[in-house]
Amino acid sequence: MTLSNAELYRLKSDARRGLLENDLILQRFFARYGDQLSAEDGKVLGRLLALDDNDLMDLLIGRKAMVDALQEFSGSEVLKRLMLQLQEK
């Protein structure tokens, strides 16, 4: 089941960041995959977007593989897929 328009709007609002680089990566991600996101995707993505800008940037550019705030999702296939999608050029 895909996210409702309200849930997608909330995630897109949360994706507006202080770092331009994060904004650009997240905008590209939502343009490509926004209409395909499931409720589980939304839950994991919400946790990603709750990270501070520097931790999020480290994950998006591959400087770090994981941060403490996401340990509960460390083995999650959803997180792995989302990270691959976010890191696509």
C-alpha atoms as a PDB file:
ATOM      1  CA  MET A   1       0.000   0.000   0.000  1.00  0.00           C
ATOM      2  CA  THR A   2       1.417   3.381  -0.961  1.00  0.00           C
ATOM      3  CA  LEU A   3       1.531   6.422   1.267  1.00  0.00           C
ATOM      4  CA  SER A   4      -1.405   8.801   1.302  1.00  0.00           C
ATOM      5  CA  ASN A   5      -0.956  12.265  -0.153  1.00  0.00           C
ATOM      6  CA  ALA A   6      -0.925  13.720   3.367  1.00  0.00           C
ATOM      7  CA  GLU A   7       1.792  11.308   4.546  1.00  0.00           C
ATOM      8  CA  LEU A   8       3.882  11.989   1.442  1.00  0.00           C
ATOM      9  CA  TYR A   9       3.458  15.744   1.901  1.00  0.00           C
ATOM     10  CA  ARG A  10       4.614  15.440   5.532  1.00  0.00           C
ATOM     11  CA  LEU A  11       7.736  13.522   4.489  1.00  0.00           C
ATOM     12  CA  LYS A  12       8.502  16.042   1.754  1.00  0.00           C
ATOM     13  CA  SER A  13       8.119  18.859   4.284  1.00  0.00           C
ATOM     14  CA  ASP A  14      10.478  17.088   6.679  1.00  0.00           C
ATOM     15  CA  ALA A  15      12.930  16.690   3.794  1.00  0.00           C
ATOM     16  CA  ARG A  16      13.526  20.441   3.582  1.00  0.00           C
ATOM     17  CA  ARG A  17      16.913  20.650   5.221  1.00  0.00           C
ATOM     18  CA  GLY A  18      19.511  23.193   6.269  1.00  0.00           C
ATOM     19  CA  LEU A  19      22.121  21.761   3.898  1.00  0.00           C
ATOM     20  CA  LEU A  20      21.534  22.363   0.214  1.00  0.00           C
ATOM     21  CA  GLU A  21      23.215  19.073  -0.676  1.00  0.00           C
ATOM     22  CA  ASN A  22      20.675  17.140   1.414  1.00  0.00           C
ATOM     23  CA  ASP A  23      17.834  19.090  -0.203  1.00  0.00           C
ATOM     24  CA  LEU A  24      19.021  18.238  -3.703  1.00  0.00           C
ATOM     25  CA  ILE A  25      19.435  14.541  -2.971  1.00  0.00           C
ATOM     26  CA  LEU A  26      16.051  14.298  -1.255  1.00  0.00           C
ATOM     27  CA  GLN A  27      14.255  16.238  -4.012  1.00  0.00           C
ATOM     28  CA  ARG A  28      15.687  13.883  -6.618  1.00  0.00           C
ATOM     29  CA  PHE A  29      14.630  10.869  -4.533  1.00  0.00           C
ATOM     30  CA  PHE A  30      11.032  12.094  -4.159  1.00  0.00           C
ATOM     31  CA  ALA A  31      10.796  12.936  -7.860  1.00  0.00           C
ATOM     32  CA  ARG A  32      11.853   9.388  -8.741  1.00  0.00           C
ATOM     33  CA  TYR A  33      10.227   7.310  -6.004  1.00  0.00           C
ATOM     34  CA  GLY A  34       7.717   9.445  -4.103  1.00  0.00           C
ATOM     35  CA  ASP A  35       4.632   7.907  -5.677  1.00  0.00           C
ATOM     36  CA  GLN A  36       5.900   4.355  -5.000  1.00  0.00           C
ATOM     37  CA  LEU A  37       6.622   4.644  -1.263  1.00  0.00           C
ATOM     38  CA  SER A  38       4.884   2.181   1.052  1.00  0.00           C
ATOM     39  CA  ALA A  39       3.844   2.740   4.660  1.00  0.00           C
ATOM     40  CA  GLU A  40       6.954   0.838   5.822  1.00  0.00           C
ATOM     41  CA  ASP A  41       9.116   3.001   3.540  1.00  0.00           C
ATOM     42  CA  GLY A  42       7.506   6.069   5.105  1.00  0.00           C
ATOM     43  CA  LYS A  43       8.288   4.867   8.623  1.00  0.00           C
ATOM     44  CA  VAL A  44      11.966   4.269   7.850  1.00  0.00           C
ATOM     45  CA  LEU A  45      12.270   7.428   5.775  1.00  0.00           C
ATOM     46  CA  GLY A  46      10.718   9.411   8.624  1.00  0.00           C
ATOM     47  CA  ARG A  47      13.462   8.154  10.937  1.00  0.00           C
ATOM     48  CA  LEU A  48      16.109   9.080   8.367  1.00  0.00           C
ATOM     49  CA  LEU A  49      14.675  12.570   8.052  1.00  0.00           C
ATOM     50  CA  ALA A  50      14.710  12.970  11.852  1.00  0.00           C
ATOM     51  CA  LEU A  51      18.516  12.761  11.820  1.00  0.00           C
ATOM     52  CA  ASP A  52      20.518  15.945  12.083  1.00  0.00           C
ATOM     53  CA  ASP A  53      21.784  17.330   8.803  1.00  0.00           C
ATOM     54  CA  ASN A  54      25.379  16.186   9.198  1.00  0.00           C
ATOM     55  CA  ASP A  55      24.472  12.581  10.070  1.00  0.00           C
ATOM     56  CA  LEU A  56      22.029  12.460   7.171  1.00  0.00           C
ATOM     57  CA  MET A  57      24.656  13.834   4.792  1.00  0.00           C
ATOM     58  CA  ASP A  58      27.203  11.270   5.991  1.00  0.00           C
ATOM     59  CA  LEU A  59      24.743   8.483   5.166  1.00  0.00           C
ATOM     60  CA  LEU A  60      23.653   9.942   1.834  1.00  0.00           C
ATOM     61  CA  ILE A  61      27.180  10.337   0.502  1.00  0.00           C
ATOM     62  CA  GLY A  62      28.376   7.047   1.977  1.00  0.00           C
ATOM     63  CA  ARG A  63      30.804   8.509   4.478  1.00  0.00           C
ATOM     64  CA  LYS A  64      29.091   6.380   7.149  1.00  0.00           C
ATOM     65  CA  ALA A  65      27.223   3.108   6.732  1.00  0.00           C
ATOM     66  CA  MET A  66      25.090   3.526   9.866  1.00  0.00           C
ATOM     67  CA  VAL A  67      24.412   5.931  12.714  1.00  0.00           C
ATOM     68  CA  ASP A  68      23.318   5.074  16.250  1.00  0.00           C
ATOM     69  CA  ALA A  69      19.846   6.572  15.791  1.00  0.00           C
ATOM     70  CA  LEU A  70      19.036   3.966  13.118  1.00  0.00           C
ATOM     71  CA  GLN A  71      20.361   0.852  14.871  1.00  0.00           C
ATOM     72  CA  GLU A  72      16.859  -0.645  15.145  1.00  0.00           C
ATOM     73  CA  PHE A  73      16.716  -0.706  11.328  1.00  0.00           C
ATOM     74  CA  SER A  74      20.302  -1.900  10.785  1.00  0.00           C
ATOM     75  CA  GLY A  75      19.296  -5.212   9.180  1.00  0.00           C
ATOM     76  CA  SER A  76      16.211  -3.850   7.461  1.00  0.00           C
ATOM     77  CA  GLU A  77      15.831  -4.549   3.764  1.00  0.00           C
ATOM     78  CA  VAL A  78      13.688  -1.421   3.540  1.00  0.00           C
ATOM     79  CA  LEU A  79      16.525   0.751   4.865  1.00  0.00           C
ATOM     80  CA  LYS A  80      19.027  -0.886   2.513  1.00  0.00           C
ATOM     81  CA  ARG A  81      16.762  -0.298  -0.507  1.00  0.00           C
ATOM     82  CA  LEU A  82      15.999   3.292   0.473  1.00  0.00           C
ATOM     83  CA  MET A  83      19.693   4.051   0.949  1.00  0.00           C
ATOM     84  CA  LEU A  84      20.489   2.643  -2.484  1.00  0.00           C
ATOM     85  CA  GLN A  85      17.734   4.742  -4.008  1.00  0.00           C
ATOM     86  CA  LEU A  86      18.866   7.860  -2.157  1.00  0.00           C
ATOM     87  CA  GLN A  87      22.472   7.352  -3.251  1.00  0.00           C
ATOM     88  CA  GLU A  88      21.644   6.876  -6.959  1.00  0.00           C
ATOM     89  CA  LYS A  89      23.159   9.477  -9.210  1.00  0.00           C
END
